Amino acid sequence: MMQKPDEERFSDNLGRSARALSDYMGLGLQIAASFAFFVLIGYWADTNFGTSPWLFLFGVLVGMLGMALLLMKVVRAANKKK
């Protein structure tokens, strides 16, 4: 059975949308994981060493820096593709 041109266009657009969505979801997961990792390490260090809230805040800052670097890397890669 042959597909109509509209059906072909729909399936092609759906495939592209699913790929783009998975790329962005992966990026969001990477950003969230890198931030959470450093925040949790800072929290753990504060509870073990009694330095509250300094190592927690340091973890937040390092996590934010990691997020910014990851975002810059992705934006640069996207700009090179254009």
N, C-alpha and C. Protein backbone atom coordinates (compact mmCIF):
# COMPACT_ATOMS: atom_id res chain seq x y z
N MET A 1 0.84 -1.16 0.00
CA MET A 1 0.00 0.00 0.00
C MET A 1 0.89 1.24 0.00
N MET A 2 0.62 2.18 -0.86
CA MET A 2 1.44 3.38 -0.98
C MET A 2 0.95 4.45 -0.01
N GLN A 3 1.90 5.16 0.54
CA GLN A 3 1.55 6.26 1.44
C GLN A 3 1.28 7.51 0.64
N LYS A 4 0.40 8.30 1.16
CA LYS A 4 0.11 9.59 0.54
C LYS A 4 1.23 10.55 0.90
N PRO A 5 1.46 11.59 0.10
CA PRO A 5 2.53 12.55 0.41
C PRO A 5 2.39 13.20 1.78
N ASP A 6 1.16 13.47 2.22
CA ASP A 6 0.97 14.08 3.53
C ASP A 6 1.41 13.15 4.64
N GLU A 7 1.14 11.86 4.49
CA GLU A 7 1.54 10.88 5.49
C GLU A 7 3.06 10.76 5.57
N GLU A 8 3.73 10.81 4.43
CA GLU A 8 5.19 10.75 4.40
C GLU A 8 5.79 11.96 5.11
N ARG A 9 5.25 13.13 4.82
CA ARG A 9 5.74 14.34 5.45
C ARG A 9 5.53 14.31 6.95
N PHE A 10 4.38 13.80 7.40
CA PHE A 10 4.08 13.71 8.83
C PHE A 10 5.06 12.77 9.52
N SER A 11 5.30 11.60 8.95
CA SER A 11 6.20 10.65 9.60
C SER A 11 7.63 11.17 9.61
N ASP A 12 8.03 11.89 8.56
CA ASP A 12 9.37 12.47 8.53
C ASP A 12 9.52 13.56 9.60
N ASN A 13 8.53 14.43 9.72
CA ASN A 13 8.56 15.48 10.74
C ASN A 13 8.50 14.90 12.14
N LEU A 14 7.73 13.84 12.32
CA LEU A 14 7.63 13.18 13.63
C LEU A 14 8.98 12.58 14.03
N GLY A 15 9.65 11.97 13.09
CA GLY A 15 10.97 11.40 13.37
C GLY A 15 11.98 12.46 13.76
N ARG A 16 11.98 13.57 13.03
CA ARG A 16 12.89 14.67 13.37
C ARG A 16 12.57 15.26 14.73
N SER A 17 11.29 15.41 15.02
CA SER A 17 10.89 15.97 16.32
C SER A 17 11.29 15.05 17.46
N ALA A 18 11.14 13.75 17.27
CA ALA A 18 11.52 12.79 18.32
C ALA A 18 13.02 12.83 18.56
N ARG A 19 13.82 12.94 17.50
CA ARG A 19 15.28 13.02 17.67
C ARG A 19 15.67 14.30 18.40
N ALA A 20 15.06 15.41 18.03
CA ALA A 20 15.38 16.68 18.69
C ALA A 20 14.96 16.64 20.15
N LEU A 21 13.81 16.06 20.43
CA LEU A 21 13.34 15.96 21.80
C LEU A 21 14.28 15.10 22.63
N SER A 22 14.75 14.01 22.08
CA SER A 22 15.66 13.14 22.84
C SER A 22 16.99 13.84 23.07
N ASP A 23 17.45 14.63 22.11
CA ASP A 23 18.70 15.38 22.31
C ASP A 23 18.55 16.39 23.45
N TYR A 24 17.45 17.12 23.45
CA TYR A 24 17.24 18.13 24.50
C TYR A 24 16.99 17.50 25.85
N MET A 25 16.30 16.37 25.89
CA MET A 25 16.08 15.69 27.16
C MET A 25 17.40 15.16 27.71
N GLY A 26 18.26 14.67 26.84
CA GLY A 26 19.58 14.21 27.27
C GLY A 26 20.41 15.35 27.81
N LEU A 27 20.35 16.49 27.16
CA LEU A 27 21.08 17.67 27.63
C LEU A 27 20.56 18.11 28.99
N GLY A 28 19.25 18.15 29.15
CA GLY A 28 18.66 18.54 30.43
C GLY A 28 19.06 17.58 31.54
N LEU A 29 19.09 16.30 31.22
CA LEU A 29 19.49 15.31 32.22
C LEU A 29 20.96 15.49 32.61
N GLN A 30 21.82 15.76 31.64
CA GLN A 30 23.24 16.00 31.94
C GLN A 30 23.41 17.22 32.83
N ILE A 31 22.70 18.28 32.53
CA ILE A 31 22.81 19.50 33.33
C ILE A 31 22.32 19.25 34.75
N ALA A 32 21.17 18.61 34.88
CA ALA A 32 20.61 18.34 36.21
C ALA A 32 21.52 17.41 37.00
N ALA A 33 22.07 16.40 36.36
CA ALA A 33 22.93 15.44 37.05
C ALA A 33 24.23 16.10 37.51
N SER A 34 24.82 16.93 36.66
CA SER A 34 26.08 17.58 37.06
C SER A 34 25.85 18.54 38.22
N PHE A 35 24.76 19.27 38.19
CA PHE A 35 24.45 20.19 39.27
C PHE A 35 24.17 19.43 40.56
N ALA A 36 23.32 18.40 40.47
CA ALA A 36 22.95 17.63 41.67
C ALA A 36 24.15 16.93 42.27
N PHE A 37 25.05 16.44 41.45
CA PHE A 37 26.24 15.75 41.94
C PHE A 37 27.06 16.65 42.85
N PHE A 38 27.38 17.86 42.39
CA PHE A 38 28.21 18.75 43.19
C PHE A 38 27.49 19.29 44.42
N VAL A 39 26.20 19.52 44.30
CA VAL A 39 25.42 19.98 45.45
C VAL A 39 25.38 18.89 46.52
N LEU A 40 25.15 17.66 46.12
CA LEU A 40 25.10 16.57 47.08
C LEU A 40 26.47 16.30 47.72
N ILE A 41 27.53 16.42 46.94
CA ILE A 41 28.88 16.26 47.50
C ILE A 41 29.13 17.35 48.54
N GLY A 42 28.74 18.58 48.25
CA GLY A 42 28.91 19.68 49.20
C GLY A 42 28.10 19.47 50.46
N TYR A 43 26.88 18.98 50.31
CA TYR A 43 26.02 18.70 51.47
C TYR A 43 26.63 17.59 52.32
N TRP A 44 27.08 16.53 51.66
CA TRP A 44 27.71 15.42 52.37
C TRP A 44 28.95 15.88 53.13
N ALA A 45 29.77 16.69 52.49
CA ALA A 45 30.99 17.18 53.14
C ALA A 45 30.64 18.07 54.34
N ASP A 46 29.62 18.90 54.22
CA ASP A 46 29.20 19.74 55.34
C ASP A 46 28.74 18.92 56.53
N THR A 47 27.97 17.87 56.27
CA THR A 47 27.49 17.06 57.39
C THR A 47 28.61 16.28 58.04
N ASN A 48 29.62 15.89 57.29
CA ASN A 48 30.72 15.12 57.87
C ASN A 48 31.78 15.99 58.53
N PHE A 49 32.00 17.18 58.03
CA PHE A 49 33.06 18.03 58.56
C PHE A 49 32.55 19.18 59.42
N GLY A 50 31.26 19.37 59.48
CA GLY A 50 30.68 20.42 60.31
C GLY A 50 30.99 21.83 59.82
N THR A 51 31.07 22.01 58.54
CA THR A 51 31.42 23.32 57.98
C THR A 51 30.22 24.03 57.38
N SER A 52 29.04 23.64 57.79
CA SER A 52 27.80 24.15 57.20
C SER A 52 27.77 25.67 57.21
N PRO A 53 27.38 26.31 56.19
CA PRO A 53 26.94 25.91 54.85
C PRO A 53 28.00 26.08 53.79
N TRP A 54 29.26 26.22 54.15
CA TRP A 54 30.30 26.64 53.21
C TRP A 54 30.57 25.63 52.09
N LEU A 55 30.72 24.37 52.43
CA LEU A 55 31.00 23.38 51.38
C LEU A 55 29.76 23.13 50.52
N PHE A 56 28.59 23.25 51.11
CA PHE A 56 27.35 23.15 50.34
C PHE A 56 27.29 24.28 49.30
N LEU A 57 27.57 25.50 49.75
CA LEU A 57 27.57 26.65 48.82
C LEU A 57 28.65 26.51 47.76
N PHE A 58 29.80 25.97 48.15
CA PHE A 58 30.86 25.73 47.18
C PHE A 58 30.39 24.70 46.14
N GLY A 59 29.68 23.66 46.59
CA GLY A 59 29.13 22.68 45.67
C GLY A 59 28.12 23.29 44.71
N VAL A 60 27.30 24.20 45.22
CA VAL A 60 26.33 24.89 44.36
C VAL A 60 27.07 25.71 43.29
N LEU A 61 28.11 26.43 43.70
CA LEU A 61 28.86 27.25 42.74
C LEU A 61 29.57 26.39 41.70
N VAL A 62 30.18 25.30 42.13
CA VAL A 62 30.87 24.42 41.18
C VAL A 62 29.84 23.77 40.24
N GLY A 63 28.69 23.39 40.77
CA GLY A 63 27.63 22.83 39.93
C GLY A 63 27.14 23.81 38.90
N MET A 64 26.99 25.07 39.30
CA MET A 64 26.55 26.10 38.35
C MET A 64 27.61 26.34 37.28
N LEU A 65 28.87 26.33 37.68
CA LEU A 65 29.95 26.49 36.72
C LEU A 65 29.95 25.33 35.73
N GLY A 66 29.75 24.12 36.24
CA GLY A 66 29.69 22.96 35.35
C GLY A 66 28.54 23.05 34.37
N MET A 67 27.39 23.52 34.84
CA MET A 67 26.23 23.69 33.95
C MET A 67 26.54 24.72 32.87
N ALA A 68 27.16 25.82 33.25
CA ALA A 68 27.47 26.86 32.28
C ALA A 68 28.46 26.36 31.23
N LEU A 69 29.48 25.61 31.67
CA LEU A 69 30.46 25.08 30.72
C LEU A 69 29.82 24.08 29.76
N LEU A 70 28.95 23.24 30.27
CA LEU A 70 28.26 22.28 29.42
C LEU A 70 27.36 22.98 28.42
N LEU A 71 26.65 24.00 28.86
CA LEU A 71 25.80 24.75 27.95
C LEU A 71 26.61 25.47 26.87
N MET A 72 27.73 26.05 27.27
CA MET A 72 28.59 26.72 26.28
C MET A 72 29.11 25.73 25.25
N LYS A 73 29.46 24.53 25.68
CA LYS A 73 29.95 23.50 24.77
C LYS A 73 28.87 23.12 23.76
N VAL A 74 27.65 22.96 24.24
CA VAL A 74 26.54 22.58 23.36
C VAL A 74 26.21 23.70 22.38
N VAL A 75 26.22 24.93 22.85
CA VAL A 75 25.91 26.07 21.97
C VAL A 75 26.99 26.22 20.91
N ARG A 76 28.24 26.06 21.27
CA ARG A 76 29.32 26.14 20.28
C ARG A 76 29.18 25.05 19.24
N ALA A 77 28.86 23.82 19.67
CA ALA A 77 28.68 22.72 18.72
C ALA A 77 27.50 23.00 17.79
N ALA A 78 26.42 23.56 18.33
CA ALA A 78 25.25 23.88 17.50
C ALA A 78 25.57 24.98 16.50
N ASN A 79 26.37 25.96 16.91
CA ASN A 79 26.74 27.04 15.99
C ASN A 79 27.66 26.55 14.88
N LYS A 80 28.49 25.55 15.15
CA LYS A 80 29.37 25.01 14.11
C LYS A 80 28.58 24.23 13.07
N LYS A 81 27.46 23.64 13.48
CA LYS A 81 26.63 22.88 12.54
C LYS A 81 25.95 23.78 11.53
N LYS A 82 25.68 25.03 11.90
CA LYS A 82 24.98 25.96 11.01
C LYS A 82 25.85 26.37 9.89
